[in-house]
C-alpha atoms as a PDB file:
ATOM      1  CA  MET A   1      -0.470   0.330   0.134  1.00  0.00           C
ATOM      2  CA  LEU A   2       0.991   3.883  -0.731  1.00  0.00           C
ATOM      3  CA  ASN A   3       0.137   6.229   1.395  1.00  0.00           C
ATOM      4  CA  ARG A   4       0.096   9.650   0.525  1.00  0.00           C
ATOM      5  CA  GLU A   5       3.956  10.594   1.103  1.00  0.00           C
ATOM      6  CA  ASP A   6       4.471   7.694  -0.897  1.00  0.00           C
ATOM      7  CA  ILE A   7       3.344   8.627  -4.287  1.00  0.00           C
ATOM      8  CA  LYS A   8       4.913  12.036  -3.822  1.00  0.00           C
ATOM      9  CA  LYS A   9       8.031   9.839  -4.348  1.00  0.00           C
ATOM     10  CA  ILE A  10       6.818   8.847  -7.699  1.00  0.00           C
ATOM     11  CA  ILE A  11       4.095  11.778  -8.650  1.00  0.00           C
ATOM     12  CA  PRO A  12       5.066  15.098  -8.914  1.00  0.00           C
ATOM     13  CA  HIS A  13       1.984  16.280  -8.014  1.00  0.00           C
ATOM     14  CA  ARG A  14       1.244  18.399  -4.252  1.00  0.00           C
ATOM     15  CA  ASP A  15      -1.580  19.838  -2.484  1.00  0.00           C
ATOM     16  CA  PRO A  16      -4.284  21.494  -3.780  1.00  0.00           C
ATOM     17  CA  PHE A  17      -3.751  18.808  -6.654  1.00  0.00           C
ATOM     18  CA  LEU A  18      -2.873  15.740  -5.315  1.00  0.00           C
ATOM     19  CA  LEU A  19      -5.433  13.963  -5.493  1.00  0.00           C
ATOM     20  CA  VAL A  20      -5.136  10.683  -4.250  1.00  0.00           C
ATOM     21  CA  ASP A  21      -5.177   9.469  -0.604  1.00  0.00           C
ATOM     22  CA  LYS A  22      -3.311   6.220  -1.200  1.00  0.00           C
ATOM     23  CA  ILE A  23      -3.287   3.008  -3.409  1.00  0.00           C
ATOM     24  CA  THR A  24      -4.289  -0.822  -1.843  1.00  0.00           C
ATOM     25  CA  GLU A  25      -3.090  -2.331  -5.237  1.00  0.00           C
ATOM     26  CA  MET A  26      -0.757  -2.161  -7.747  1.00  0.00           C
ATOM     27  CA  GLU A  27       0.637  -3.894 -10.560  1.00  0.00           C
ATOM     28  CA  PRO A  28       3.145  -1.813 -11.892  1.00  0.00           C
ATOM     29  CA  LEU A  29       2.690  -0.932 -15.823  1.00  0.00           C
ATOM     30  CA  LYS A  30      -0.991  -2.875 -15.465  1.00  0.00           C
ATOM     31  CA  ARG A  31      -3.749  -1.608 -12.987  1.00  0.00           C
ATOM     32  CA  GLY A  32      -3.844  -0.174  -9.967  1.00  0.00           C
ATOM     33  CA  VAL A  33      -6.834   1.077  -7.434  1.00  0.00           C
ATOM     34  CA  GLY A  34      -7.012   3.952  -5.139  1.00  0.00           C
ATOM     35  CA  TYR A  35      -8.833   6.187  -2.388  1.00  0.00           C
ATOM     36  CA  LEU A  36      -9.740   9.938  -2.378  1.00  0.00           C
ATOM     37  CA  THR A  37     -11.827  10.958   0.628  1.00  0.00           C
ATOM     38  CA  LEU A  38     -13.625  14.175  -0.123  1.00  0.00           C
ATOM     39  CA  ASN A  39     -13.709  16.936   2.754  1.00  0.00           C
ATOM     40  CA  LYS A  40     -15.423  20.334   2.551  1.00  0.00           C
ATOM     41  CA  ASN A  41     -12.168  22.316   2.642  1.00  0.00           C
ATOM     42  CA  MET A  42     -10.633  21.128  -0.436  1.00  0.00           C
ATOM     43  CA  ALA A  43     -10.503  24.575  -2.998  1.00  0.00           C
ATOM     44  CA  PHE A  44     -12.611  23.324  -5.617  1.00  0.00           C
ATOM     45  CA  PHE A  45     -15.728  22.861  -3.265  1.00  0.00           C
ATOM     46  CA  GLN A  46     -15.545  25.816  -2.768  1.00  0.00           C
ATOM     47  CA  GLY A  47     -16.429  27.572  -6.211  1.00  0.00           C
ATOM     48  CA  HIS A  48     -18.153  24.189  -7.533  1.00  0.00           C
ATOM     49  CA  PHE A  49     -20.989  25.028  -6.385  1.00  0.00           C
ATOM     50  CA  PRO A  50     -21.556  27.938  -2.848  1.00  0.00           C
ATOM     51  CA  GLU A  51     -24.227  25.641  -2.013  1.00  0.00           C
ATOM     52  CA  GLU A  52     -24.290  22.019  -2.952  1.00  0.00           C
ATOM     53  CA  PRO A  53     -20.465  21.664  -3.323  1.00  0.00           C
ATOM     54  CA  VAL A  54     -20.145  18.625  -6.448  1.00  0.00           C
ATOM     55  CA  MET A  55     -16.314  17.630  -7.367  1.00  0.00           C
ATOM     56  CA  PRO A  56     -15.620  18.686 -10.454  1.00  0.00           C
ATOM     57  CA  GLY A  57     -15.790  15.569 -13.311  1.00  0.00           C
ATOM     58  CA  VAL A  58     -12.631  16.810 -14.381  1.00  0.00           C
ATOM     59  CA  LEU A  59     -10.757  16.306 -10.942  1.00  0.00           C
ATOM     60  CA  ILE A  60     -12.296  13.015 -11.290  1.00  0.00           C
ATOM     61  CA  ILE A  61     -10.194  12.469 -14.887  1.00  0.00           C
ATOM     62  CA  GLU A  62      -7.266  13.999 -13.314  1.00  0.00           C
ATOM     63  CA  ALA A  63      -7.754  12.189  -9.713  1.00  0.00           C
ATOM     64  CA  LEU A  64      -7.920   8.636 -11.811  1.00  0.00           C
ATOM     65  CA  SER A  65      -4.855  10.453 -13.632  1.00  0.00           C
ATOM     66  CA  GLN A  66      -2.450   9.786 -11.135  1.00  0.00           C
ATOM     67  CA  VAL A  67      -3.659   6.854 -10.042  1.00  0.00           C
ATOM     68  CA  GLY A  68      -2.366   5.725 -13.815  1.00  0.00           C
ATOM     69  CA  ALA A  69       0.635   8.554 -13.527  1.00  0.00           C
ATOM     70  CA  THR A  70       1.722   6.111 -10.439  1.00  0.00           C
ATOM     71  CA  VAL A  71       0.867   3.482 -12.126  1.00  0.00           C
ATOM     72  CA  LEU A  72       2.762   3.510 -14.574  1.00  0.00           C
ATOM     73  CA  LEU A  73       6.022   6.249 -13.525  1.00  0.00           C
ATOM     74  CA  SER A  74       6.908   3.371 -10.461  1.00  0.00           C
ATOM     75  CA  ASP A  75       7.308   0.970 -12.810  1.00  0.00           C
ATOM     76  CA  GLU A  76      11.854   1.526 -13.762  1.00  0.00           C
ATOM     77  CA  ALA A  77      11.332   1.903 -17.334  1.00  0.00           C
ATOM     78  CA  TYR A  78       9.585   5.250 -16.555  1.00  0.00           C
ATOM     79  CA  LYS A  79      10.867   6.362 -13.279  1.00  0.00           C
ATOM     80  CA  GLY A  80      11.530   9.722 -12.708  1.00  0.00           C
ATOM     81  CA  LYS A  81       9.607  10.805 -15.484  1.00  0.00           C
ATOM     82  CA  LEU A  82       6.199  12.843 -16.149  1.00  0.00           C
ATOM     83  CA  VAL A  83       2.718  12.182 -17.828  1.00  0.00           C
ATOM     84  CA  PHE A  84       0.912  13.969 -20.011  1.00  0.00           C
ATOM     85  CA  MET A  85      -2.861  13.666 -20.745  1.00  0.00           C
ATOM     86  CA  ALA A  86      -3.157  13.611 -24.585  1.00  0.00           C
ATOM     87  CA  GLY A  87      -6.557  13.105 -25.065  1.00  0.00           C
ATOM     88  CA  ALA A  88      -9.953  11.467 -23.163  1.00  0.00           C
ATOM     89  CA  ASP A  89     -12.575   9.392 -25.550  1.00  0.00           C
ATOM     90  CA  ASN A  90     -15.925   8.122 -24.054  1.00  0.00           C
ATOM     91  CA  LEU A  91     -16.175  10.344 -21.221  1.00  0.00           C
ATOM     92  CA  LYS A  92     -18.999   9.776 -18.755  1.00  0.00           C
ATOM     93  CA  PHE A  93     -20.393  10.480 -15.693  1.00  0.00           C
ATOM     94  CA  ARG A  94     -22.753   8.320 -14.119  1.00  0.00           C
ATOM     95  CA  ARG A  95     -23.467  10.605 -10.402  1.00  0.00           C
ATOM     96  CA  LYS A  96     -22.039  13.537  -7.978  1.00  0.00           C
ATOM     97  CA  VAL A  97     -19.921  13.770  -5.618  1.00  0.00           C
ATOM     98  CA  SER A  98     -19.807  16.294  -2.574  1.00  0.00           C
ATOM     99  CA  PRO A  99     -17.959  15.881   0.455  1.00  0.00           C
ATOM    100  CA  GLY A 100     -17.571  12.903   2.798  1.00  0.00           C
ATOM    101  CA  GLU A 101     -18.143  10.767   0.161  1.00  0.00           C
ATOM    102  CA  THR A 102     -14.609   8.341  -0.647  1.00  0.00           C
ATOM    103  CA  LEU A 103     -13.736   8.133  -4.369  1.00  0.00           C
ATOM    104  CA  ARG A 104     -12.661   4.206  -5.381  1.00  0.00           C
ATOM    105  CA  LEU A 105     -10.416   4.926  -8.680  1.00  0.00           C
ATOM    106  CA  GLU A 106      -9.506   1.974 -10.539  1.00  0.00           C
ATOM    107  CA  VAL A 107      -7.068   2.380 -13.429  1.00  0.00           C
ATOM    108  CA  GLU A 108      -5.830  -0.814 -16.483  1.00  0.00           C
ATOM    109  CA  VAL A 109      -3.600   0.451 -18.403  1.00  0.00           C
ATOM    110  CA  VAL A 110      -5.507  -0.983 -22.375  1.00  0.00           C
ATOM    111  CA  ARG A 111      -1.827  -0.235 -24.574  1.00  0.00           C
ATOM    112  CA  LEU A 112       1.549   0.897 -24.249  1.00  0.00           C
ATOM    113  CA  ARG A 113       3.562   1.704 -26.967  1.00  0.00           C
ATOM    114  CA  GLY A 114       7.267   3.382 -26.245  1.00  0.00           C
ATOM    115  CA  ASN A 115       6.242   6.675 -24.364  1.00  0.00           C
ATOM    116  CA  PHE A 116       2.485   6.643 -25.240  1.00  0.00           C
ATOM    117  CA  GLY A 117      -0.626   4.975 -24.756  1.00  0.00           C
ATOM    118  CA  SER A 118      -3.932   4.598 -22.834  1.00  0.00           C
ATOM    119  CA  ALA A 119      -6.284   3.908 -20.003  1.00  0.00           C
ATOM    120  CA  GLN A 120      -9.313   2.519 -18.740  1.00  0.00           C
ATOM    121  CA  GLY A 121     -10.728   3.656 -15.799  1.00  0.00           C
ATOM    122  CA  LYS A 122     -13.681   3.589 -12.891  1.00  0.00           C
ATOM    123  CA  ALA A 123     -14.866   6.023 -10.672  1.00  0.00           C
ATOM    124  CA  TYR A 124     -17.022   4.730  -7.128  1.00  0.00           C
ATOM    125  CA  VAL A 125     -18.467   5.668  -4.566  1.00  0.00           C
ATOM    126  CA  GLY A 126     -19.301   2.661  -2.905  1.00  0.00           C
ATOM    127  CA  ASP A 127     -20.510   0.625  -5.384  1.00  0.00           C
ATOM    128  CA  GLU A 128     -21.879   2.802  -6.857  1.00  0.00           C
ATOM    129  CA  LEU A 129     -19.768   3.937 -10.298  1.00  0.00           C
ATOM    130  CA  ALA A 130     -19.360   8.316 -10.547  1.00  0.00           C
ATOM    131  CA  ALA A 131     -17.417   8.530 -12.836  1.00  0.00           C
ATOM    132  CA  GLU A 132     -15.621   6.444 -16.154  1.00  0.00           C
ATOM    133  CA  GLY A 133     -13.767   6.690 -19.475  1.00  0.00           C
ATOM    134  CA  LEU A 134     -10.658   6.064 -21.513  1.00  0.00           C
ATOM    135  CA  VAL A 135      -7.567   8.602 -21.051  1.00  0.00           C
ATOM    136  CA  LYS A 136      -4.591   9.107 -23.821  1.00  0.00           C
ATOM    137  CA  PHE A 137      -1.197   9.912 -22.248  1.00  0.00           C
ATOM    138  CA  ALA A 138       2.416  10.800 -23.465  1.00  0.00           C
ATOM    139  CA  VAL A 139       5.048   9.727 -21.216  1.00  0.00           C
ATOM    140  CA  GLY A 140       8.349  12.806 -21.116  1.00  0.00           C
END
């Protein structure tokens, strides 16, 4: 299991933009499962939306991407590099995500050729699918 400090040794993201609290399962270059517990003090909730806070969908995709980046950069071949989002396909947002909830972030690398690839991500609250999509990436 990786905690926030372990994750920060692998990917360059820092607060307030580190969107993964822990990773409980990981197979480098293949798959990972991470978690993010949301609290009302997170910066994006202040303006999205003040009367009914909702995590922006793009940040859910970013959280999935950070789990994917950790899966890639944990492998010696990619250690110390950066992972850039190169596109996304078939994004679907199934439910709102609010303070007090915990996101389970499941990512599976489905294609990796050199420094380019794609990963399928699914974000859950409990057993309920909150978001899903295919994220394309480049390693540099």
